[in-house]
Amino acid sequence: EQSMTALTERSTKNRDALMAELKKTATKGYAIENEEVEIDVRGIAVAVKDFSKNVIAAIGIMAPVSRLTDERLEKGIITALQESGVALSTKLGFIAPAGKK
């Protein structure tokens, strides 16, 4: 098990934990960074794909933890960001499978 440099107490500390988190991210369709890089900063991002279905970029937001609460994320930020990611991907020629974002 490879260890990784932790930037904060909340940072992912080993490769196995990182791989597990990446699986969760792929399933959910977005990633949340919760004080893992900097204390009191939280972020959320979604993938941007091109016509070949490859992830070529990500779009996201970062904000103080107090402003990017779970409640605010669930009340529309996640959906708005996912919709923006799909819209940008579509402009780049990506065609999402039916029923998926």
Protein backbone atom coordinates (compact mmCIF):
# COMPACT_ATOMS: atom_id res chain seq x y z
CA GLU A 1 0.00 0.00 0.00
CA GLN A 2 1.59 3.24 -1.16
CA SER A 3 1.37 6.23 1.14
CA MET A 4 0.73 9.73 -0.16
CA THR A 5 1.65 13.14 1.18
CA ALA A 6 -1.24 14.53 3.20
CA LEU A 7 -1.83 18.25 2.81
CA THR A 8 -4.38 18.37 5.65
CA GLU A 9 -5.77 15.98 8.24
CA ARG A 10 -8.61 15.17 5.79
CA SER A 11 -6.35 14.33 2.83
CA THR A 12 -6.44 10.89 1.24
CA LYS A 13 -3.41 9.15 2.66
CA ASN A 14 -2.90 6.05 0.51
CA ARG A 15 -3.43 4.70 -2.99
CA ASP A 16 -6.15 2.21 -1.99
CA ALA A 17 -8.24 4.98 -0.41
CA LEU A 18 -7.72 7.13 -3.52
CA MET A 19 -8.86 4.32 -5.83
CA ALA A 20 -11.97 3.76 -3.68
CA GLU A 21 -12.76 7.48 -3.82
CA LEU A 22 -12.32 7.53 -7.61
CA LYS A 23 -14.82 4.66 -7.92
CA LYS A 24 -17.35 6.60 -5.83
CA THR A 25 -16.76 9.69 -7.96
CA ALA A 26 -17.39 7.77 -11.18
CA THR A 27 -20.62 6.33 -9.76
CA LYS A 28 -21.94 9.68 -8.49
CA GLY A 29 -20.82 11.66 -11.52
CA TYR A 30 -19.06 14.34 -9.48
CA ALA A 31 -16.21 14.75 -7.03
CA ILE A 32 -16.26 16.63 -3.76
CA GLU A 33 -13.09 17.95 -2.17
CA ASN A 34 -13.78 18.53 1.52
CA GLU A 35 -10.84 20.32 3.17
CA GLU A 36 -8.43 17.76 1.70
CA VAL A 37 -6.15 20.38 0.14
CA GLU A 38 -6.78 23.41 2.33
CA ILE A 39 -8.60 23.81 5.64
CA ASP A 40 -11.96 25.63 5.38
CA VAL A 41 -12.14 25.17 1.60
CA ARG A 42 -14.53 22.79 -0.15
CA GLY A 43 -15.02 22.10 -3.83
CA ILE A 44 -17.11 20.13 -6.28
CA ALA A 45 -16.31 19.27 -9.89
CA VAL A 46 -17.68 17.30 -12.84
CA ALA A 47 -15.94 15.85 -15.86
CA VAL A 48 -16.11 17.35 -19.34
CA LYS A 49 -15.94 14.77 -22.14
CA ASP A 50 -15.31 15.13 -25.86
CA PHE A 51 -16.67 13.33 -28.93
CA SER A 52 -14.41 10.33 -28.22
CA LYS A 53 -15.94 9.97 -24.73
CA ASN A 54 -12.63 10.87 -23.12
CA VAL A 55 -12.50 13.15 -20.12
CA ILE A 56 -10.62 16.21 -21.35
CA ALA A 57 -11.32 18.69 -18.57
CA ALA A 58 -13.35 19.37 -15.46
CA ILE A 59 -15.45 22.27 -14.30
CA GLY A 60 -16.09 23.04 -10.69
CA ILE A 61 -16.34 25.52 -7.90
CA MET A 62 -14.42 26.09 -4.68
CA ALA A 63 -15.70 28.05 -1.70
CA PRO A 64 -15.36 28.31 2.06
CA VAL A 65 -16.91 25.32 3.82
CA SER A 66 -19.49 27.57 5.47
CA ARG A 67 -20.83 28.64 2.06
CA LEU A 68 -20.67 25.30 0.24
CA THR A 69 -22.74 23.25 2.67
CA ASP A 70 -24.28 19.84 1.99
CA GLU A 71 -27.69 21.52 2.00
CA ARG A 72 -26.68 24.02 -0.70
CA LEU A 73 -25.05 21.28 -2.75
CA GLU A 74 -28.19 19.14 -2.62
CA LYS A 75 -30.55 22.08 -3.25
CA GLY A 76 -29.18 22.73 -6.70
CA ILE A 77 -25.44 23.20 -6.96
CA ILE A 78 -24.74 19.55 -7.85
CA THR A 79 -27.49 19.48 -10.47
CA ALA A 80 -26.49 22.84 -11.97
CA LEU A 81 -22.87 21.78 -12.24
CA GLN A 82 -23.77 18.41 -13.77
CA GLU A 83 -26.04 20.12 -16.31
CA SER A 84 -23.25 22.55 -17.18
CA GLY A 85 -20.81 19.67 -17.63
CA VAL A 86 -23.23 17.85 -19.93
CA ALA A 87 -23.93 21.02 -21.93
CA LEU A 88 -20.23 21.71 -22.44
CA SER A 89 -19.52 18.06 -23.27
CA THR A 90 -22.36 18.07 -25.81
CA LYS A 91 -20.86 21.14 -27.50
CA LEU A 92 -17.64 19.14 -27.79
CA GLY A 93 -19.47 16.29 -29.54
CA PHE A 94 -20.07 13.97 -26.59
CA ILE A 95 -23.32 12.00 -26.76
CA ALA A 96 -24.38 10.72 -23.34
CA PRO A 97 -25.94 7.25 -23.17
CA ALA A 98 -29.73 7.35 -22.68
CA GLY A 99 -30.62 8.02 -19.04
CA LYS A 100 -27.10 9.14 -18.07
CA LYS A 101 -25.51 12.54 -17.55
